[in-house]
Amino acid sequence: MNNFLHQLVHSLYQRVVLYGAIGAQNASGKKFAHFGDRSVICFPQTTIFNEQYISIGNDTMIGEHVALSAGMVPGQECVVTPVVSIGNRCLIGRGSGIVGHFSILIEDDVWTGHYVYITDQNHGYEDISRPISQQSQPERAVRIGKGSWIGHGSVVLPGSNIGEHVVIGAQSVVSGVIPDYSVAVGAPARVIKQYREGEGWVSIPRDQ
């Protein structure tokens, strides 16, 4: 009996995961500004709202327990569309969060590890008479260039511009410009390797 129940639970859960996923052809997928062919947001999802300001390309997989939103609260009217744009053939790792307010552009073939956080707005702290939760800073556009990889647990902060074919090491915090064809690690993330024509991959001293 225990073996039967074990198999039954797993069978039912697999069905829930299958039918709880969001795809281009179901009602949840049709809420998005664009939801590409063969793309999927896996079940269960943590938080998804204001889908009409979110665009997802073809052949993209967004893992389970992901938060994906545009604006501060459900029903907010945003000034641009899309606010969040995820390209073709991307993979967003389990437990990640993408929270856009103005512009987050994730280009084609970007993959992330688990628990990556990407946002284009942060909290302020300057006014000591108000809780930090009530202080927001101006939005600053974020871009992650095509073919890049964002390692497990990394944070991509407002104003970040990550180039093409870039590796961001696990647990890094990106807050500025990372050039094409480079490897960056740390908090804040610093370039430690870069590809140079005729030289290949060259190590960059930390003090540069």
N, C-alpha and C. Protein backbone atom coordinates (compact mmCIF):
# COMPACT_ATOMS: atom_id res chain seq x y z
N MET A 1 0.82 -1.21 0.00
CA MET A 1 0.00 0.00 0.00
C MET A 1 0.86 1.26 0.00
N ASN A 2 1.92 1.28 0.82
CA ASN A 2 2.78 2.45 0.87
C ASN A 2 3.42 2.73 -0.49
N ASN A 3 3.82 1.67 -1.18
CA ASN A 3 4.40 1.84 -2.51
C ASN A 3 3.37 2.39 -3.49
N PHE A 4 2.14 1.90 -3.37
CA PHE A 4 1.07 2.41 -4.24
C PHE A 4 0.83 3.89 -3.99
N LEU A 5 0.76 4.29 -2.71
CA LEU A 5 0.54 5.70 -2.38
C LEU A 5 1.70 6.56 -2.86
N HIS A 6 2.91 6.03 -2.70
CA HIS A 6 4.09 6.75 -3.17
C HIS A 6 3.99 7.03 -4.67
N GLN A 7 3.66 6.02 -5.44
CA GLN A 7 3.55 6.17 -6.89
C GLN A 7 2.40 7.10 -7.25
N LEU A 8 1.29 6.99 -6.50
CA LEU A 8 0.13 7.83 -6.77
C LEU A 8 0.45 9.31 -6.54
N VAL A 9 1.11 9.59 -5.41
CA VAL A 9 1.47 10.98 -5.10
C VAL A 9 2.37 11.56 -6.18
N HIS A 10 3.39 10.80 -6.58
CA HIS A 10 4.31 11.28 -7.60
C HIS A 10 3.61 11.47 -8.95
N SER A 11 2.71 10.56 -9.27
CA SER A 11 1.97 10.69 -10.53
C SER A 11 1.08 11.93 -10.52
N LEU A 12 0.39 12.15 -9.40
CA LEU A 12 -0.48 13.33 -9.30
C LEU A 12 0.33 14.61 -9.34
N TYR A 13 1.48 14.61 -8.65
CA TYR A 13 2.30 15.82 -8.64
C TYR A 13 2.84 16.14 -10.03
N GLN A 14 3.24 15.13 -10.77
CA GLN A 14 3.72 15.34 -12.13
C GLN A 14 2.63 15.95 -13.01
N ARG A 15 1.39 15.53 -12.78
CA ARG A 15 0.28 16.11 -13.54
C ARG A 15 0.06 17.57 -13.16
N VAL A 16 0.16 17.86 -11.85
CA VAL A 16 0.00 19.24 -11.39
C VAL A 16 1.08 20.13 -11.99
N VAL A 17 2.33 19.65 -11.99
CA VAL A 17 3.43 20.42 -12.56
C VAL A 17 3.20 20.66 -14.05
N LEU A 18 2.73 19.63 -14.75
CA LEU A 18 2.50 19.75 -16.19
C LEU A 18 1.39 20.76 -16.48
N TYR A 19 0.26 20.62 -15.81
CA TYR A 19 -0.88 21.47 -16.13
C TYR A 19 -0.82 22.84 -15.43
N GLY A 20 0.07 22.97 -14.44
CA GLY A 20 0.24 24.26 -13.78
C GLY A 20 1.24 25.18 -14.47
N ALA A 21 1.99 24.63 -15.43
CA ALA A 21 2.96 25.45 -16.16
C ALA A 21 2.24 26.46 -17.05
N ILE A 22 2.91 27.59 -17.29
CA ILE A 22 2.36 28.63 -18.16
C ILE A 22 3.03 28.54 -19.52
N GLY A 23 2.23 28.48 -20.56
CA GLY A 23 2.72 28.42 -21.93
C GLY A 23 1.98 29.39 -22.82
N ALA A 24 2.41 29.46 -24.07
CA ALA A 24 1.84 30.44 -25.00
C ALA A 24 0.37 30.22 -25.27
N GLN A 25 -0.08 28.96 -25.18
CA GLN A 25 -1.44 28.66 -25.60
C GLN A 25 -2.46 28.64 -24.48
N ASN A 26 -2.03 28.73 -23.21
CA ASN A 26 -3.04 28.71 -22.15
C ASN A 26 -3.43 30.13 -21.73
N ALA A 27 -4.46 30.22 -20.92
CA ALA A 27 -5.03 31.52 -20.57
C ALA A 27 -4.02 32.42 -19.88
N SER A 28 -3.19 31.85 -19.01
CA SER A 28 -2.19 32.66 -18.31
C SER A 28 -1.15 33.21 -19.27
N GLY A 29 -0.73 32.41 -20.24
CA GLY A 29 0.25 32.86 -21.21
C GLY A 29 -0.25 33.98 -22.09
N LYS A 30 -1.55 33.98 -22.37
CA LYS A 30 -2.12 35.01 -23.25
C LYS A 30 -2.21 36.38 -22.57
N LYS A 31 -1.95 36.45 -21.27
CA LYS A 31 -1.95 37.74 -20.58
C LYS A 31 -0.68 38.55 -20.86
N PHE A 32 0.37 37.88 -21.33
CA PHE A 32 1.66 38.54 -21.52
C PHE A 32 1.65 39.40 -22.78
N ALA A 33 2.52 40.43 -22.80
CA ALA A 33 2.67 41.24 -24.01
C ALA A 33 3.07 40.35 -25.18
N HIS A 34 3.93 39.38 -24.91
CA HIS A 34 4.29 38.37 -25.91
C HIS A 34 4.79 37.15 -25.15
N PHE A 35 4.36 35.98 -25.60
CA PHE A 35 4.81 34.72 -25.00
C PHE A 35 5.16 33.80 -26.16
N GLY A 36 6.45 33.55 -26.34
CA GLY A 36 6.93 32.87 -27.53
C GLY A 36 6.59 31.39 -27.59
N ASP A 37 6.68 30.86 -28.78
CA ASP A 37 6.43 29.45 -29.03
C ASP A 37 7.42 28.58 -28.25
N ARG A 38 6.91 27.50 -27.69
CA ARG A 38 7.70 26.49 -26.98
C ARG A 38 8.37 27.03 -25.73
N SER A 39 7.97 28.18 -25.27
CA SER A 39 8.48 28.71 -24.00
C SER A 39 7.57 28.26 -22.85
N VAL A 40 8.12 28.27 -21.65
CA VAL A 40 7.35 27.80 -20.50
C VAL A 40 7.83 28.49 -19.23
N ILE A 41 6.88 28.78 -18.35
CA ILE A 41 7.18 29.17 -16.97
C ILE A 41 6.74 28.00 -16.11
N CYS A 42 7.69 27.35 -15.47
CA CYS A 42 7.40 26.11 -14.76
C CYS A 42 6.56 26.35 -13.50
N PHE A 43 5.85 25.34 -13.11
CA PHE A 43 5.02 25.36 -11.91
C PHE A 43 5.79 24.74 -10.75
N PRO A 44 5.66 25.30 -9.52
CA PRO A 44 4.83 26.44 -9.16
C PRO A 44 5.55 27.76 -9.38
N GLN A 45 4.78 28.80 -9.65
CA GLN A 45 5.31 30.15 -9.77
C GLN A 45 5.15 30.86 -8.42
N THR A 46 6.10 31.71 -8.07
CA THR A 46 6.01 32.44 -6.80
C THR A 46 5.11 33.66 -6.94
N THR A 47 5.49 34.61 -7.78
CA THR A 47 4.71 35.84 -7.99
C THR A 47 4.83 36.24 -9.44
N ILE A 48 3.69 36.44 -10.09
CA ILE A 48 3.69 36.99 -11.45
C ILE A 48 2.56 38.00 -11.52
N PHE A 49 2.88 39.25 -11.90
CA PHE A 49 1.81 40.21 -12.12
C PHE A 49 2.20 41.26 -13.15
N ASN A 50 1.16 41.92 -13.67
CA ASN A 50 1.28 42.90 -14.75
C ASN A 50 1.95 42.29 -15.98
N GLU A 51 1.48 41.10 -16.33
CA GLU A 51 2.04 40.34 -17.44
C GLU A 51 2.00 41.08 -18.76
N GLN A 52 1.05 42.02 -18.90
CA GLN A 52 0.91 42.75 -20.17
C GLN A 52 2.12 43.62 -20.47
N TYR A 53 3.01 43.80 -19.49
CA TYR A 53 4.24 44.56 -19.69
C TYR A 53 5.48 43.66 -19.74
N ILE A 54 5.26 42.36 -19.92
CA ILE A 54 6.36 41.40 -19.93
C ILE A 54 6.35 40.64 -21.25
N SER A 55 7.50 40.55 -21.90
CA SER A 55 7.64 39.85 -23.18
C SER A 55 8.65 38.72 -23.04
N ILE A 56 8.28 37.54 -23.54
CA ILE A 56 9.14 36.36 -23.48
C ILE A 56 9.29 35.80 -24.88
N GLY A 57 10.53 35.53 -25.30
CA GLY A 57 10.79 35.03 -26.65
C GLY A 57 10.48 33.55 -26.80
N ASN A 58 10.97 32.97 -27.87
CA ASN A 58 10.74 31.56 -28.18
C ASN A 58 11.75 30.66 -27.45
N ASP A 59 11.32 29.43 -27.16
CA ASP A 59 12.21 28.38 -26.64
C ASP A 59 12.90 28.78 -25.35
N THR A 60 12.21 29.54 -24.52
CA THR A 60 12.75 30.01 -23.24
C THR A 60 12.10 29.25 -22.09
N MET A 61 12.90 28.87 -21.12
CA MET A 61 12.38 28.19 -19.92
C MET A 61 12.66 29.03 -18.69
N ILE A 62 11.61 29.28 -17.93
CA ILE A 62 11.72 30.00 -16.66
C ILE A 62 11.37 29.00 -15.56
N GLY A 63 12.30 28.78 -14.65
CA GLY A 63 12.18 27.71 -13.67
C GLY A 63 11.10 27.93 -12.64
N GLU A 64 10.89 26.91 -11.82
CA GLU A 64 9.86 26.98 -10.79
C GLU A 64 10.26 27.95 -9.67
N HIS A 65 9.25 28.40 -8.95
CA HIS A 65 9.41 29.32 -7.81
C HIS A 65 10.07 30.64 -8.22
N VAL A 66 9.79 31.08 -9.44
CA VAL A 66 10.34 32.35 -9.93
C VAL A 66 9.34 33.48 -9.72
N ALA A 67 9.84 34.65 -9.32
CA ALA A 67 9.04 35.87 -9.26
C ALA A 67 9.32 36.70 -10.50
N LEU A 68 8.26 37.14 -11.17
CA LEU A 68 8.39 37.87 -12.43
C LEU A 68 7.33 38.95 -12.44
N SER A 69 7.75 40.21 -12.43
CA SER A 69 6.74 41.27 -12.32
C SER A 69 7.20 42.56 -12.97
N ALA A 70 6.22 43.40 -13.29
CA ALA A 70 6.45 44.74 -13.81
C ALA A 70 5.68 45.71 -12.91
N GLY A 71 6.35 46.75 -12.44
CA GLY A 71 5.70 47.69 -11.55
C GLY A 71 5.77 47.27 -10.10
N MET A 72 5.18 48.10 -9.24
CA MET A 72 5.24 47.87 -7.80
C MET A 72 4.15 46.94 -7.30
N VAL A 73 2.95 47.07 -7.89
CA VAL A 73 1.79 46.32 -7.39
C VAL A 73 0.96 45.84 -8.57
N PRO A 74 0.17 44.78 -8.38
CA PRO A 74 -0.72 44.33 -9.46
C PRO A 74 -1.67 45.44 -9.89
N GLY A 75 -1.88 45.55 -11.19
CA GLY A 75 -2.79 46.55 -11.72
C GLY A 75 -2.16 47.89 -12.00
N GLN A 76 -0.89 48.06 -11.67
CA GLN A 76 -0.22 49.34 -11.92
C GLN A 76 -0.09 49.58 -13.42
N GLU A 77 -0.30 50.80 -13.84
CA GLU A 77 -0.12 51.18 -15.24
C GLU A 77 1.31 51.66 -15.44
N CYS A 78 2.07 50.96 -16.26
CA CYS A 78 3.46 51.33 -16.51
C CYS A 78 3.55 52.27 -17.71
N VAL A 79 4.63 53.04 -17.78
CA VAL A 79 4.73 54.08 -18.80
C VAL A 79 5.33 53.56 -20.10
N VAL A 80 5.97 52.38 -20.07
CA VAL A 80 6.54 51.80 -21.28
C VAL A 80 6.13 50.33 -21.36
N THR A 81 6.22 49.77 -22.57
CA THR A 81 6.00 48.34 -22.75
C THR A 81 6.91 47.82 -23.86
N PRO A 82 7.58 46.70 -23.69
CA PRO A 82 7.56 45.94 -22.43
C PRO A 82 8.49 46.56 -21.39
N VAL A 83 8.17 46.31 -20.14
CA VAL A 83 9.07 46.69 -19.05
C VAL A 83 10.16 45.64 -18.90
N VAL A 84 9.76 44.39 -18.95
CA VAL A 84 10.68 43.26 -18.87
C VAL A 84 10.64 42.51 -20.20
N SER A 85 11.80 42.35 -20.82
CA SER A 85 11.89 41.63 -22.09
C SER A 85 12.93 40.52 -21.95
N ILE A 86 12.50 39.29 -22.15
CA ILE A 86 13.38 38.12 -22.07
C ILE A 86 13.43 37.51 -23.46
N GLY A 87 14.62 37.28 -23.99
CA GLY A 87 14.79 36.87 -25.38
C GLY A 87 14.53 35.41 -25.66
N ASN A 88 15.02 34.97 -26.80
CA ASN A 88 14.87 33.58 -27.24
C ASN A 88 15.91 32.68 -26.58
N ARG A 89 15.51 31.45 -26.33
CA ARG A 89 16.42 30.39 -25.85
C ARG A 89 17.09 30.75 -24.53
N CYS A 90 16.38 31.48 -23.69
CA CYS A 90 16.93 31.83 -22.38
C CYS A 90 16.53 30.77 -21.35
N LEU A 91 17.28 30.71 -20.27
CA LEU A 91 16.97 29.85 -19.15
C LEU A 91 17.13 30.65 -17.87
N ILE A 92 16.04 30.80 -17.14
CA ILE A 92 16.06 31.52 -15.87
C ILE A 92 15.94 30.49 -14.75
N GLY A 93 16.94 30.44 -13.88
CA GLY A 93 17.04 29.38 -12.90
C GLY A 93 15.99 29.44 -11.80
N ARG A 94 15.76 28.30 -11.19
CA ARG A 94 14.78 28.13 -10.12
C ARG A 94 15.01 29.14 -9.00
N GLY A 95 13.90 29.71 -8.49
CA GLY A 95 13.96 30.61 -7.36
C GLY A 95 14.45 32.01 -7.67
N SER A 96 14.60 32.34 -8.94
CA SER A 96 15.09 33.66 -9.32
C SER A 96 13.98 34.70 -9.26
N GLY A 97 14.37 35.97 -9.27
CA GLY A 97 13.41 37.07 -9.27
C GLY A 97 13.80 38.12 -10.29
N ILE A 98 12.85 38.51 -11.14
CA ILE A 98 13.06 39.59 -12.10
C ILE A 98 11.96 40.60 -11.86
N VAL A 99 12.34 41.76 -11.34
CA VAL A 99 11.37 42.78 -10.94
C VAL A 99 11.70 44.07 -11.68
N GLY A 100 10.90 44.40 -12.69
CA GLY A 100 11.15 45.57 -13.51
C GLY A 100 10.16 46.69 -13.24
N HIS A 101 10.62 47.91 -13.40
CA HIS A 101 9.77 49.09 -13.26
C HIS A 101 9.85 49.98 -14.49
N PHE A 102 10.97 49.94 -15.20
CA PHE A 102 11.18 50.78 -16.37
C PHE A 102 11.70 49.97 -17.56
N SER A 103 12.86 49.31 -17.40
CA SER A 103 13.41 48.55 -18.51
C SER A 103 14.43 47.52 -18.04
N ILE A 104 14.08 46.26 -18.22
CA ILE A 104 15.03 45.15 -18.05
C ILE A 104 15.04 44.39 -19.36
N LEU A 105 16.20 44.37 -20.03
CA LEU A 105 16.36 43.68 -21.30
C LEU A 105 17.31 42.51 -21.12
N ILE A 106 16.80 41.31 -21.29
CA ILE A 106 17.62 40.10 -21.25
C ILE A 106 17.64 39.56 -22.67
N GLU A 107 18.79 39.62 -23.30
CA GLU A 107 18.88 39.28 -24.72
C GLU A 107 18.90 37.76 -24.94
N ASP A 108 18.98 37.34 -26.19
CA ASP A 108 18.90 35.92 -26.55
C ASP A 108 20.01 35.09 -25.89
N ASP A 109 19.67 33.84 -25.58
CA ASP A 109 20.64 32.84 -25.13
C ASP A 109 21.31 33.18 -23.81
N VAL A 110 20.62 33.93 -22.97
CA VAL A 110 21.12 34.20 -21.62
C VAL A 110 20.64 33.10 -20.69
N TRP A 111 21.54 32.52 -19.92
CA TRP A 111 21.18 31.53 -18.91
C TRP A 111 21.58 32.05 -17.54
N THR A 112 20.80 31.69 -16.53
CA THR A 112 21.16 32.03 -15.15
C THR A 112 21.15 30.77 -14.30
N GLY A 113 21.93 30.81 -13.22
CA GLY A 113 21.83 29.79 -12.20
C GLY A 113 20.59 30.02 -11.35
N HIS A 114 20.46 29.24 -10.28
CA HIS A 114 19.33 29.39 -9.38
C HIS A 114 19.47 30.66 -8.53
N TYR A 115 18.34 31.19 -8.09
CA TYR A 115 18.27 32.26 -7.10
C TYR A 115 19.03 33.52 -7.52
N VAL A 116 18.86 33.90 -8.77
CA VAL A 116 19.42 35.16 -9.28
C VAL A 116 18.36 36.24 -9.17
N TYR A 117 18.76 37.44 -8.78
CA TYR A 117 17.82 38.55 -8.65
C TYR A 117 18.24 39.69 -9.57
N ILE A 118 17.28 40.19 -10.36
CA ILE A 118 17.54 41.25 -11.33
C ILE A 118 16.48 42.33 -11.15
N THR A 119 16.90 43.58 -10.96
CA THR A 119 15.94 44.68 -10.82
C THR A 119 16.51 45.97 -11.38
N ASP A 120 15.62 46.87 -11.76
CA ASP A 120 16.05 48.17 -12.29
C ASP A 120 15.70 49.32 -11.33
N GLN A 121 15.30 48.99 -10.11
CA GLN A 121 15.01 50.04 -9.13
C GLN A 121 15.42 49.56 -7.73
N ASN A 122 15.94 50.46 -6.94
CA ASN A 122 16.39 50.12 -5.60
C ASN A 122 15.74 51.05 -4.59
N HIS A 123 15.95 50.77 -3.32
CA HIS A 123 15.42 51.62 -2.25
C HIS A 123 16.45 52.66 -1.83
N GLY A 124 15.96 53.83 -1.45
CA GLY A 124 16.81 54.86 -0.87
C GLY A 124 16.79 54.76 0.65
N TYR A 125 17.66 55.52 1.29
CA TYR A 125 17.75 55.50 2.75
C TYR A 125 18.04 56.89 3.32
N GLU A 126 18.12 57.90 2.44
CA GLU A 126 18.60 59.21 2.85
C GLU A 126 17.69 59.91 3.86
N ASP A 127 16.38 59.75 3.73
CA ASP A 127 15.43 60.42 4.61
C ASP A 127 15.21 59.56 5.86
N ILE A 128 15.81 59.96 6.98
CA ILE A 128 15.73 59.13 8.18
C ILE A 128 14.38 59.23 8.87
N SER A 129 13.50 60.11 8.40
CA SER A 129 12.16 60.22 8.99
C SER A 129 11.17 59.25 8.36
N ARG A 130 11.58 58.56 7.29
CA ARG A 130 10.70 57.63 6.59
C ARG A 130 11.31 56.24 6.54
N PRO A 131 10.47 55.21 6.63
CA PRO A 131 11.00 53.85 6.48
C PRO A 131 11.66 53.68 5.11
N ILE A 132 12.73 52.90 5.06
CA ILE A 132 13.42 52.66 3.80
C ILE A 132 12.48 52.04 2.78
N SER A 133 11.53 51.23 3.22
CA SER A 133 10.59 50.60 2.30
C SER A 133 9.75 51.61 1.54
N GLN A 134 9.63 52.83 2.05
CA GLN A 134 8.83 53.87 1.40
C GLN A 134 9.68 54.81 0.55
N GLN A 135 10.96 54.56 0.47
CA GLN A 135 11.86 55.42 -0.31
C GLN A 135 12.37 54.63 -1.51
N SER A 136 12.08 55.13 -2.69
CA SER A 136 12.57 54.48 -3.90
C SER A 136 13.46 55.45 -4.68
N GLN A 137 14.44 54.88 -5.35
CA GLN A 137 15.34 55.66 -6.18
C GLN A 137 14.86 55.61 -7.63
N PRO A 138 15.31 56.55 -8.47
CA PRO A 138 14.89 56.53 -9.88
C PRO A 138 15.28 55.22 -10.56
N GLU A 139 14.42 54.77 -11.46
CA GLU A 139 14.72 53.56 -12.22
C GLU A 139 15.92 53.78 -13.13
N ARG A 140 16.72 52.73 -13.30
CA ARG A 140 17.87 52.78 -14.21
C ARG A 140 17.86 51.49 -15.01
N ALA A 141 17.83 51.62 -16.32
CA ALA A 141 17.67 50.46 -17.21
C ALA A 141 18.77 49.43 -16.98
N VAL A 142 18.38 48.16 -17.15
CA VAL A 142 19.30 47.03 -17.02
C VAL A 142 19.32 46.27 -18.34
N ARG A 143 20.52 45.85 -18.76
CA ARG A 143 20.67 45.02 -19.96
C ARG A 143 21.63 43.88 -19.66
N ILE A 144 21.26 42.69 -20.11
CA ILE A 144 22.15 41.54 -20.07
C ILE A 144 22.32 41.06 -21.51
N GLY A 145 23.54 41.14 -22.03
CA GLY A 145 23.80 40.87 -23.44
C GLY A 145 23.68 39.40 -23.80
N LYS A 146 23.51 39.16 -25.07
CA LYS A 146 23.24 37.81 -25.57
C LYS A 146 24.38 36.85 -25.25
N GLY A 147 23.98 35.61 -25.00
CA GLY A 147 24.96 34.55 -24.78
C GLY A 147 25.66 34.59 -23.45
N SER A 148 25.17 35.37 -22.49
CA SER A 148 25.85 35.50 -21.20
C SER A 148 25.29 34.51 -20.18
N TRP A 149 26.06 34.33 -19.11
CA TRP A 149 25.71 33.41 -18.03
C TRP A 149 25.82 34.15 -16.71
N ILE A 150 24.76 34.10 -15.91
CA ILE A 150 24.74 34.74 -14.59
C ILE A 150 24.74 33.64 -13.54
N GLY A 151 25.78 33.57 -12.71
CA GLY A 151 25.95 32.48 -11.78
C GLY A 151 24.98 32.51 -10.60
N HIS A 152 24.87 31.37 -9.96
CA HIS A 152 23.98 31.12 -8.83
C HIS A 152 24.06 32.24 -7.78
N GLY A 153 22.89 32.73 -7.37
CA GLY A 153 22.81 33.67 -6.27
C GLY A 153 23.28 35.08 -6.56
N SER A 154 23.53 35.39 -7.82
CA SER A 154 24.01 36.73 -8.16
C SER A 154 22.88 37.75 -8.14
N VAL A 155 23.25 39.01 -7.96
CA VAL A 155 22.30 40.13 -7.95
C VAL A 155 22.73 41.12 -9.02
N VAL A 156 21.78 41.49 -9.88
CA VAL A 156 22.03 42.48 -10.93
C VAL A 156 21.23 43.72 -10.57
N LEU A 157 21.93 44.79 -10.24
CA LEU A 157 21.32 46.00 -9.71
C LEU A 157 20.99 47.02 -10.80
N PRO A 158 20.18 48.04 -10.46
CA PRO A 158 19.81 49.07 -11.43
C PRO A 158 21.02 49.70 -12.10
N GLY A 159 20.89 49.94 -13.40
CA GLY A 159 21.95 50.57 -14.17
C GLY A 159 22.99 49.62 -14.71
N SER A 160 22.87 48.34 -14.39
CA SER A 160 23.86 47.36 -14.87
C SER A 160 23.73 47.17 -16.37
N ASN A 161 24.88 47.11 -17.03
CA ASN A 161 24.93 46.82 -18.47
C ASN A 161 25.97 45.73 -18.68
N ILE A 162 25.48 44.50 -18.77
CA ILE A 162 26.35 43.34 -18.93
C ILE A 162 26.45 43.04 -20.41
N GLY A 163 27.66 42.96 -20.92
CA GLY A 163 27.86 42.78 -22.34
C GLY A 163 27.53 41.38 -22.83
N GLU A 164 27.94 41.10 -24.08
CA GLU A 164 27.69 39.80 -24.69
C GLU A 164 28.75 38.79 -24.26
N HIS A 165 28.34 37.53 -24.14
CA HIS A 165 29.25 36.42 -23.84
C HIS A 165 30.05 36.72 -22.57
N VAL A 166 29.32 37.08 -21.53
CA VAL A 166 29.92 37.41 -20.24
C VAL A 166 29.56 36.34 -19.22
N VAL A 167 30.53 35.99 -18.38
CA VAL A 167 30.28 35.12 -17.23
C VAL A 167 30.30 35.98 -15.97
N ILE A 168 29.21 35.90 -15.20
CA ILE A 168 29.16 36.53 -13.88
C ILE A 168 29.25 35.41 -12.85
N GLY A 169 30.30 35.42 -12.04
CA GLY A 169 30.52 34.35 -11.08
C GLY A 169 29.44 34.28 -10.02
N ALA A 170 29.27 33.11 -9.43
CA ALA A 170 28.25 32.89 -8.40
C ALA A 170 28.40 33.89 -7.25
N GLN A 171 27.25 34.32 -6.73
CA GLN A 171 27.17 35.23 -5.58
C GLN A 171 27.74 36.62 -5.85
N SER A 172 27.84 37.00 -7.12
CA SER A 172 28.36 38.32 -7.46
C SER A 172 27.24 39.38 -7.39
N VAL A 173 27.65 40.62 -7.24
CA VAL A 173 26.72 41.76 -7.25
C VAL A 173 27.17 42.71 -8.36
N VAL A 174 26.35 42.83 -9.40
CA VAL A 174 26.69 43.68 -10.55
C VAL A 174 25.98 45.02 -10.40
N SER A 175 26.75 46.09 -10.56
CA SER A 175 26.15 47.42 -10.41
C SER A 175 26.63 48.41 -11.46
N GLY A 176 27.34 47.94 -12.48
CA GLY A 176 27.86 48.85 -13.50
C GLY A 176 27.98 48.18 -14.84
N VAL A 177 28.99 48.58 -15.59
CA VAL A 177 29.21 48.07 -16.94
C VAL A 177 30.21 46.92 -16.90
N ILE A 178 29.83 45.80 -17.51
CA ILE A 178 30.73 44.67 -17.68
C ILE A 178 30.92 44.48 -19.18
N PRO A 179 32.14 44.62 -19.70
CA PRO A 179 32.35 44.61 -21.16
C PRO A 179 32.12 43.23 -21.77
N ASP A 180 31.92 43.21 -23.09
CA ASP A 180 31.76 41.97 -23.84
C ASP A 180 32.93 41.01 -23.57
N TYR A 181 32.64 39.71 -23.69
CA TYR A 181 33.67 38.66 -23.65
C TYR A 181 34.57 38.79 -22.43
N SER A 182 33.93 38.77 -21.27
CA SER A 182 34.71 38.89 -20.03
C SER A 182 34.11 38.01 -18.94
N VAL A 183 34.88 37.83 -17.88
CA VAL A 183 34.46 37.11 -16.68
C VAL A 183 34.56 38.09 -15.52
N ALA A 184 33.48 38.22 -14.75
CA ALA A 184 33.48 39.14 -13.61
C ALA A 184 32.97 38.42 -12.37
N VAL A 185 33.58 38.71 -11.23
CA VAL A 185 33.21 38.06 -9.98
C VAL A 185 33.26 39.08 -8.84
N GLY A 186 32.56 38.76 -7.75
CA GLY A 186 32.69 39.54 -6.52
C GLY A 186 31.56 40.51 -6.29
N ALA A 187 31.68 41.23 -5.16
CA ALA A 187 30.68 42.22 -4.77
C ALA A 187 31.40 43.49 -4.33
N PRO A 188 31.46 44.51 -5.17
CA PRO A 188 30.87 44.56 -6.51
C PRO A 188 31.67 43.73 -7.51
N ALA A 189 31.00 43.31 -8.58
CA ALA A 189 31.64 42.46 -9.58
C ALA A 189 32.76 43.21 -10.30
N ARG A 190 33.91 42.56 -10.42
CA ARG A 190 35.07 43.11 -11.12
C ARG A 190 35.51 42.14 -12.20
N VAL A 191 35.96 42.68 -13.32
CA VAL A 191 36.43 41.83 -14.42
C VAL A 191 37.76 41.20 -14.04
N ILE A 192 37.85 39.86 -14.14
CA ILE A 192 39.10 39.17 -13.84
C ILE A 192 39.71 38.51 -15.09
N LYS A 193 38.90 38.36 -16.15
CA LYS A 193 39.41 37.84 -17.42
C LYS A 193 38.66 38.52 -18.55
N GLN A 194 39.37 38.70 -19.68
CA GLN A 194 38.72 39.26 -20.86
C GLN A 194 39.37 38.68 -22.11
N TYR A 195 38.54 38.42 -23.10
CA TYR A 195 39.05 37.89 -24.37
C TYR A 195 39.57 39.04 -25.22
N ARG A 196 40.79 38.88 -25.72
CA ARG A 196 41.40 39.90 -26.58
C ARG A 196 41.84 39.24 -27.87
N GLU A 197 41.49 39.86 -28.98
CA GLU A 197 41.83 39.33 -30.30
C GLU A 197 43.33 39.11 -30.41
N GLY A 198 43.70 37.90 -30.80
CA GLY A 198 45.11 37.57 -30.96
C GLY A 198 45.80 37.11 -29.70
N GLU A 199 45.17 37.31 -28.55
CA GLU A 199 45.77 36.90 -27.28
C GLU A 199 44.96 35.82 -26.57
N GLY A 200 43.68 35.72 -26.91
CA GLY A 200 42.80 34.80 -26.20
C GLY A 200 42.33 35.39 -24.88
N TRP A 201 42.05 34.51 -23.92
CA TRP A 201 41.55 34.95 -22.61
C TRP A 201 42.72 35.40 -21.75
N VAL A 202 42.67 36.67 -21.33
CA VAL A 202 43.75 37.30 -20.58
C VAL A 202 43.26 37.63 -19.18
N SER A 203 44.06 37.28 -18.17
CA SER A 203 43.73 37.62 -16.79
C SER A 203 43.93 39.11 -16.56
N ILE A 204 43.02 39.71 -15.80
CA ILE A 204 43.07 41.14 -15.49
C ILE A 204 43.42 41.29 -14.02
N PRO A 205 44.50 41.97 -13.66
CA PRO A 205 44.83 42.19 -12.26
C PRO A 205 43.69 42.88 -11.52
N ARG A 206 43.48 42.51 -10.28
CA ARG A 206 42.36 43.05 -9.50
C ARG A 206 42.46 44.56 -9.29
N ASP A 207 43.67 45.13 -9.32
CA ASP A 207 43.82 46.55 -9.03
C ASP A 207 43.56 47.44 -10.24
N GLN A 208 43.20 46.83 -11.41
CA GLN A 208 42.94 47.66 -12.59
C GLN A 208 41.47 48.06 -12.63
